[in-house]
Each structure stands twice: as C-alpha cells, then as structure tokens.
Amino acid sequence: MTKEKAFIKGLSIGIAIGTAIGVATHNLGLWLSLGVAIGAGLGISFREGKKDDETKSP
C-alpha cells in the first residue's frame, strides 16, 4: 500500500465512524468534523507504520 492510499484509508475510516456516531446522536456536524480529525490521525499513523515496516525488512 502506498503512503497516499494508507492516508485515504485512515481518513475514510474516520469519516465513516464519525458519520455513524453523528447520526446516532443527532449531532452530525460535530461528529463528522471529529471523524475527519481522527481519520487524519489514523491515516498518518498507518503511513508511518508502513514506513517502519519497509525499513525493517531485509
């Protein structure tokens, strides 16, 4: 997986979770923005984790 795909995957997960919680709590605006922020963090961690995996392999 490339760096860009890892970031997009994390962002998509965050948006999906934020949307689900926002619909359940009837506060979509808050949870959608929180989902984007959490997803960006996940995407960066996925990207950094991939970088560590590439440097560890022989």
PDB file of N, CA and C in Angstrom:
ATOM      1  N   MET A   1       0.850  -1.172   0.000  1.00  0.00           N
ATOM      2  CA  MET A   1       0.000   0.000   0.000  1.00  0.00           C
ATOM      3  C   MET A   1       0.898   1.238   0.000  1.00  0.00           C
ATOM      4  N   THR A   2       0.580   2.175  -0.843  1.00  0.00           N
ATOM      5  CA  THR A   2       1.384   3.392  -0.903  1.00  0.00           C
ATOM      6  C   THR A   2       1.007   4.324   0.245  1.00  0.00           C
ATOM      7  N   LYS A   3       1.808   5.360   0.436  1.00  0.00           N
ATOM      8  CA  LYS A   3       1.559   6.306   1.514  1.00  0.00           C
ATOM      9  C   LYS A   3       0.212   7.000   1.354  1.00  0.00           C
ATOM     10  N   GLU A   4      -0.120   7.367   0.116  1.00  0.00           N
ATOM     11  CA  GLU A   4      -1.367   8.076  -0.132  1.00  0.00           C
ATOM     12  C   GLU A   4      -2.568   7.181   0.142  1.00  0.00           C
ATOM     13  N   LYS A   5      -2.477   5.917  -0.254  1.00  0.00           N
ATOM     14  CA  LYS A   5      -3.591   5.009  -0.010  1.00  0.00           C
ATOM     15  C   LYS A   5      -3.784   4.746   1.475  1.00  0.00           C
ATOM     16  N   ALA A   6      -2.701   4.693   2.235  1.00  0.00           N
ATOM     17  CA  ALA A   6      -2.795   4.495   3.678  1.00  0.00           C
ATOM     18  C   ALA A   6      -3.487   5.686   4.325  1.00  0.00           C
ATOM     19  N   PHE A   7      -3.152   6.894   3.884  1.00  0.00           N
ATOM     20  CA  PHE A   7      -3.781   8.092   4.439  1.00  0.00           C
ATOM     21  C   PHE A   7      -5.263   8.131   4.101  1.00  0.00           C
ATOM     22  N   ILE A   8      -5.603   7.814   2.868  1.00  0.00           N
ATOM     23  CA  ILE A   8      -7.006   7.831   2.453  1.00  0.00           C
ATOM     24  C   ILE A   8      -7.803   6.763   3.179  1.00  0.00           C
ATOM     25  N   LYS A   9      -7.200   5.611   3.417  1.00  0.00           N
ATOM     26  CA  LYS A   9      -7.873   4.537   4.158  1.00  0.00           C
ATOM     27  C   LYS A   9      -8.199   4.997   5.579  1.00  0.00           C
ATOM     28  N   GLY A  10      -7.252   5.613   6.261  1.00  0.00           N
ATOM     29  CA  GLY A  10      -7.492   6.113   7.607  1.00  0.00           C
ATOM     30  C   GLY A  10      -8.541   7.206   7.637  1.00  0.00           C
ATOM     31  N   LEU A  11      -8.484   8.098   6.671  1.00  0.00           N
ATOM     32  CA  LEU A  11      -9.460   9.177   6.588  1.00  0.00           C
ATOM     33  C   LEU A  11     -10.862   8.634   6.342  1.00  0.00           C
ATOM     34  N   SER A  12     -10.974   7.634   5.494  1.00  0.00           N
ATOM     35  CA  SER A  12     -12.274   7.025   5.207  1.00  0.00           C
ATOM     36  C   SER A  12     -12.858   6.347   6.445  1.00  0.00           C
ATOM     37  N   ILE A  13     -12.023   5.655   7.195  1.00  0.00           N
ATOM     38  CA  ILE A  13     -12.482   5.009   8.420  1.00  0.00           C
ATOM     39  C   ILE A  13     -12.985   6.058   9.411  1.00  0.00           C
ATOM     40  N   GLY A  14     -12.240   7.128   9.574  1.00  0.00           N
ATOM     41  CA  GLY A  14     -12.648   8.192  10.490  1.00  0.00           C
ATOM     42  C   GLY A  14     -13.952   8.853  10.086  1.00  0.00           C
ATOM     43  N   ILE A  15     -14.119   9.117   8.811  1.00  0.00           N
ATOM     44  CA  ILE A  15     -15.362   9.740   8.337  1.00  0.00           C
ATOM     45  C   ILE A  15     -16.542   8.800   8.545  1.00  0.00           C
ATOM     46  N   ALA A  16     -16.342   7.519   8.278  1.00  0.00           N
ATOM     47  CA  ALA A  16     -17.431   6.549   8.453  1.00  0.00           C
ATOM     48  C   ALA A  16     -17.849   6.453   9.921  1.00  0.00           C
ATOM     49  N   ILE A  17     -16.883   6.377  10.806  1.00  0.00           N
ATOM     50  CA  ILE A  17     -17.203   6.281  12.235  1.00  0.00           C
ATOM     51  C   ILE A  17     -17.851   7.575  12.724  1.00  0.00           C
ATOM     52  N   GLY A  18     -17.305   8.708  12.310  1.00  0.00           N
ATOM     53  CA  GLY A  18     -17.880   9.989  12.708  1.00  0.00           C
ATOM     54  C   GLY A  18     -19.301  10.173  12.210  1.00  0.00           C
ATOM     55  N   THR A  19     -19.577   9.745  11.001  1.00  0.00           N
ATOM     56  CA  THR A  19     -20.931   9.845  10.453  1.00  0.00           C
ATOM     57  C   THR A  19     -21.895   8.945  11.210  1.00  0.00           C
ATOM     58  N   ALA A  20     -21.477   7.730  11.512  1.00  0.00           N
ATOM     59  CA  ALA A  20     -22.347   6.797  12.239  1.00  0.00           C
ATOM     60  C   ALA A  20     -22.691   7.331  13.627  1.00  0.00           C
ATOM     61  N   ILE A  21     -21.693   7.833  14.341  1.00  0.00           N
ATOM     62  CA  ILE A  21     -21.957   8.373  15.678  1.00  0.00           C
ATOM     63  C   ILE A  21     -22.798   9.643  15.578  1.00  0.00           C
ATOM     64  N   GLY A  22     -22.519  10.472  14.580  1.00  0.00           N
ATOM     65  CA  GLY A  22     -23.282  11.707  14.405  1.00  0.00           C
ATOM     66  C   GLY A  22     -24.750  11.460  14.114  1.00  0.00           C
ATOM     67  N   VAL A  23     -25.040  10.470  13.309  1.00  0.00           N
ATOM     68  CA  VAL A  23     -26.444  10.142  13.020  1.00  0.00           C
ATOM     69  C   VAL A  23     -27.117   9.582  14.264  1.00  0.00           C
ATOM     70  N   ALA A  24     -26.406   8.755  15.011  1.00  0.00           N
ATOM     71  CA  ALA A  24     -26.989   8.152  16.213  1.00  0.00           C
ATOM     72  C   ALA A  24     -27.269   9.190  17.297  1.00  0.00           C
ATOM     73  N   THR A  25     -26.423  10.202  17.407  1.00  0.00           N
ATOM     74  CA  THR A  25     -26.594  11.211  18.452  1.00  0.00           C
ATOM     75  C   THR A  25     -27.304  12.469  17.963  1.00  0.00           C
ATOM     76  N   HIS A  26     -27.685  12.506  16.703  1.00  0.00           N
ATOM     77  CA  HIS A  26     -28.365  13.653  16.088  1.00  0.00           C
ATOM     78  C   HIS A  26     -27.513  14.915  16.154  1.00  0.00           C
ATOM     79  N   ASN A  27     -26.191  14.740  16.037  1.00  0.00           N
ATOM     80  CA  ASN A  27     -25.270  15.870  16.022  1.00  0.00           C
ATOM     81  C   ASN A  27     -24.211  15.600  14.955  1.00  0.00           C
ATOM     82  N   LEU A  28     -24.664  15.581  13.716  1.00  0.00           N
ATOM     83  CA  LEU A  28     -23.803  15.181  12.608  1.00  0.00           C
ATOM     84  C   LEU A  28     -22.640  16.138  12.385  1.00  0.00           C
ATOM     85  N   GLY A  29     -22.859  17.425  12.534  1.00  0.00           N
ATOM     86  CA  GLY A  29     -21.801  18.406  12.288  1.00  0.00           C
ATOM     87  C   GLY A  29     -20.592  18.206  13.176  1.00  0.00           C
ATOM     88  N   LEU A  30     -20.846  17.991  14.457  1.00  0.00           N
ATOM     89  CA  LEU A  30     -19.758  17.789  15.407  1.00  0.00           C
ATOM     90  C   LEU A  30     -19.001  16.501  15.110  1.00  0.00           C
ATOM     91  N   TRP A  31     -19.726  15.414  14.955  1.00  0.00           N
ATOM     92  CA  TRP A  31     -19.071  14.117  14.816  1.00  0.00           C
ATOM     93  C   TRP A  31     -18.439  13.917  13.451  1.00  0.00           C
ATOM     94  N   LEU A  32     -18.961  14.568  12.434  1.00  0.00           N
ATOM     95  CA  LEU A  32     -18.321  14.468  11.124  1.00  0.00           C
ATOM     96  C   LEU A  32     -16.962  15.160  11.138  1.00  0.00           C
ATOM     97  N   SER A  33     -16.906  16.333  11.759  1.00  0.00           N
ATOM     98  CA  SER A  33     -15.619  17.023  11.846  1.00  0.00           C
ATOM     99  C   SER A  33     -14.647  16.274  12.753  1.00  0.00           C
ATOM    100  N   LEU A  34     -15.136  15.704  13.837  1.00  0.00           N
ATOM    101  CA  LEU A  34     -14.268  14.889  14.690  1.00  0.00           C
ATOM    102  C   LEU A  34     -13.790  13.640  13.954  1.00  0.00           C
ATOM    103  N   GLY A  35     -14.657  13.048  13.150  1.00  0.00           N
ATOM    104  CA  GLY A  35     -14.272  11.881  12.359  1.00  0.00           C
ATOM    105  C   GLY A  35     -13.171  12.200  11.357  1.00  0.00           C
ATOM    106  N   VAL A  36     -13.240  13.374  10.756  1.00  0.00           N
ATOM    107  CA  VAL A  36     -12.187  13.784   9.817  1.00  0.00           C
ATOM    108  C   VAL A  36     -10.863  13.944  10.562  1.00  0.00           C
ATOM    109  N   ALA A  37     -10.911  14.570  11.730  1.00  0.00           N
ATOM    110  CA  ALA A  37      -9.684  14.776  12.507  1.00  0.00           C
ATOM    111  C   ALA A  37      -9.096  13.447  12.974  1.00  0.00           C
ATOM    112  N   ILE A  38      -9.933  12.573  13.489  1.00  0.00           N
ATOM    113  CA  ILE A  38      -9.464  11.260  13.942  1.00  0.00           C
ATOM    114  C   ILE A  38      -8.959  10.442  12.759  1.00  0.00           C
ATOM    115  N   GLY A  39      -9.658  10.521  11.641  1.00  0.00           N
ATOM    116  CA  GLY A  39      -9.237   9.793  10.446  1.00  0.00           C
ATOM    117  C   GLY A  39      -7.901  10.278   9.908  1.00  0.00           C
ATOM    118  N   ALA A  40      -7.659  11.572   9.986  1.00  0.00           N
ATOM    119  CA  ALA A  40      -6.360  12.098   9.550  1.00  0.00           C
ATOM    120  C   ALA A  40      -5.246  11.553  10.436  1.00  0.00           C
ATOM    121  N   GLY A  41      -5.511  11.484  11.729  1.00  0.00           N
ATOM    122  CA  GLY A  41      -4.530  10.902  12.641  1.00  0.00           C
ATOM    123  C   GLY A  41      -4.285   9.434  12.355  1.00  0.00           C
ATOM    124  N   LEU A  42      -5.354   8.699  12.084  1.00  0.00           N
ATOM    125  CA  LEU A  42      -5.206   7.289  11.727  1.00  0.00           C
ATOM    126  C   LEU A  42      -4.418   7.130  10.434  1.00  0.00           C
ATOM    127  N   GLY A  43      -4.728   7.967   9.464  1.00  0.00           N
ATOM    128  CA  GLY A  43      -4.027   7.889   8.182  1.00  0.00           C
ATOM    129  C   GLY A  43      -2.544   8.136   8.320  1.00  0.00           C
ATOM    130  N   ILE A  44      -2.189   9.105   9.152  1.00  0.00           N
ATOM    131  CA  ILE A  44      -0.776   9.390   9.376  1.00  0.00           C
ATOM    132  C   ILE A  44      -0.106   8.225  10.098  1.00  0.00           C
ATOM    133  N   SER A  45      -0.807   7.639  11.068  1.00  0.00           N
ATOM    134  CA  SER A  45      -0.202   6.508  11.774  1.00  0.00           C
ATOM    135  C   SER A  45      -0.078   5.295  10.859  1.00  0.00           C
ATOM    136  N   PHE A  46      -1.047   5.072   9.976  1.00  0.00           N
ATOM    137  CA  PHE A  46      -0.930   3.981   9.001  1.00  0.00           C
ATOM    138  C   PHE A  46       0.257   4.227   8.084  1.00  0.00           C
ATOM    139  N   ARG A  47       0.424   5.468   7.654  1.00  0.00           N
ATOM    140  CA  ARG A  47       1.513   5.814   6.753  1.00  0.00           C
ATOM    141  C   ARG A  47       2.860   5.648   7.441  1.00  0.00           C
ATOM    142  N   GLU A  48       2.968   6.094   8.677  1.00  0.00           N
ATOM    143  CA  GLU A  48       4.218   5.959   9.415  1.00  0.00           C
ATOM    144  C   GLU A  48       4.504   4.495   9.738  1.00  0.00           C
ATOM    145  N   GLY A  49       3.468   3.725  10.043  1.00  0.00           N
ATOM    146  CA  GLY A  49       3.660   2.305  10.304  1.00  0.00           C
ATOM    147  C   GLY A  49       4.163   1.575   9.078  1.00  0.00           C
ATOM    148  N   LYS A  50       3.697   1.966   7.922  1.00  0.00           N
ATOM    149  CA  LYS A  50       4.161   1.364   6.676  1.00  0.00           C
ATOM    150  C   LYS A  50       5.622   1.708   6.442  1.00  0.00           C
ATOM    151  N   LYS A  51       6.029   2.909   6.778  1.00  0.00           N
ATOM    152  CA  LYS A  51       7.413   3.321   6.596  1.00  0.00           C
ATOM    153  C   LYS A  51       8.325   2.489   7.496  1.00  0.00           C
ATOM    154  N   ASP A  52       7.894   2.231   8.743  1.00  0.00           N
ATOM    155  CA  ASP A  52       8.688   1.423   9.666  1.00  0.00           C
ATOM    156  C   ASP A  52       8.813  -0.010   9.168  1.00  0.00           C
ATOM    157  N   ASP A  53       7.736  -0.556   8.600  1.00  0.00           N
ATOM    158  CA  ASP A  53       7.769  -1.914   8.072  1.00  0.00           C
ATOM    159  C   ASP A  53       8.743  -2.046   6.903  1.00  0.00           C
ATOM    160  N   GLU A  54       8.802  -1.007   6.070  1.00  0.00           N
ATOM    161  CA  GLU A  54       9.688  -1.057   4.918  1.00  0.00           C
ATOM    162  C   GLU A  54      11.156  -1.000   5.329  1.00  0.00           C
ATOM    163  N   THR A  55      11.474  -0.277   6.395  1.00  0.00           N
ATOM    164  CA  THR A  55      12.871  -0.183   6.813  1.00  0.00           C
ATOM    165  C   THR A  55      13.332  -1.410   7.587  1.00  0.00           C
ATOM    166  N   LYS A  56      12.403  -2.157   8.191  1.00  0.00           N
ATOM    167  CA  LYS A  56      12.775  -3.348   8.958  1.00  0.00           C
ATOM    168  C   LYS A  56      13.014  -4.564   8.096  1.00  0.00           C
ATOM    169  N   SER A  57      12.414  -4.602   6.917  1.00  0.00           N
ATOM    170  CA  SER A  57      12.578  -5.802   6.078  1.00  0.00           C
ATOM    171  C   SER A  57      13.974  -5.852   5.466  1.00  0.00           C
ATOM    172  N   PRO A  58      14.556  -7.057   5.381  1.00  0.00           N
ATOM    173  CA  PRO A  58      15.927  -7.178   4.849  1.00  0.00           C
ATOM    174  C   PRO A  58      15.992  -6.990   3.351  1.00  0.00           C
TER     175      PRO A  58
END
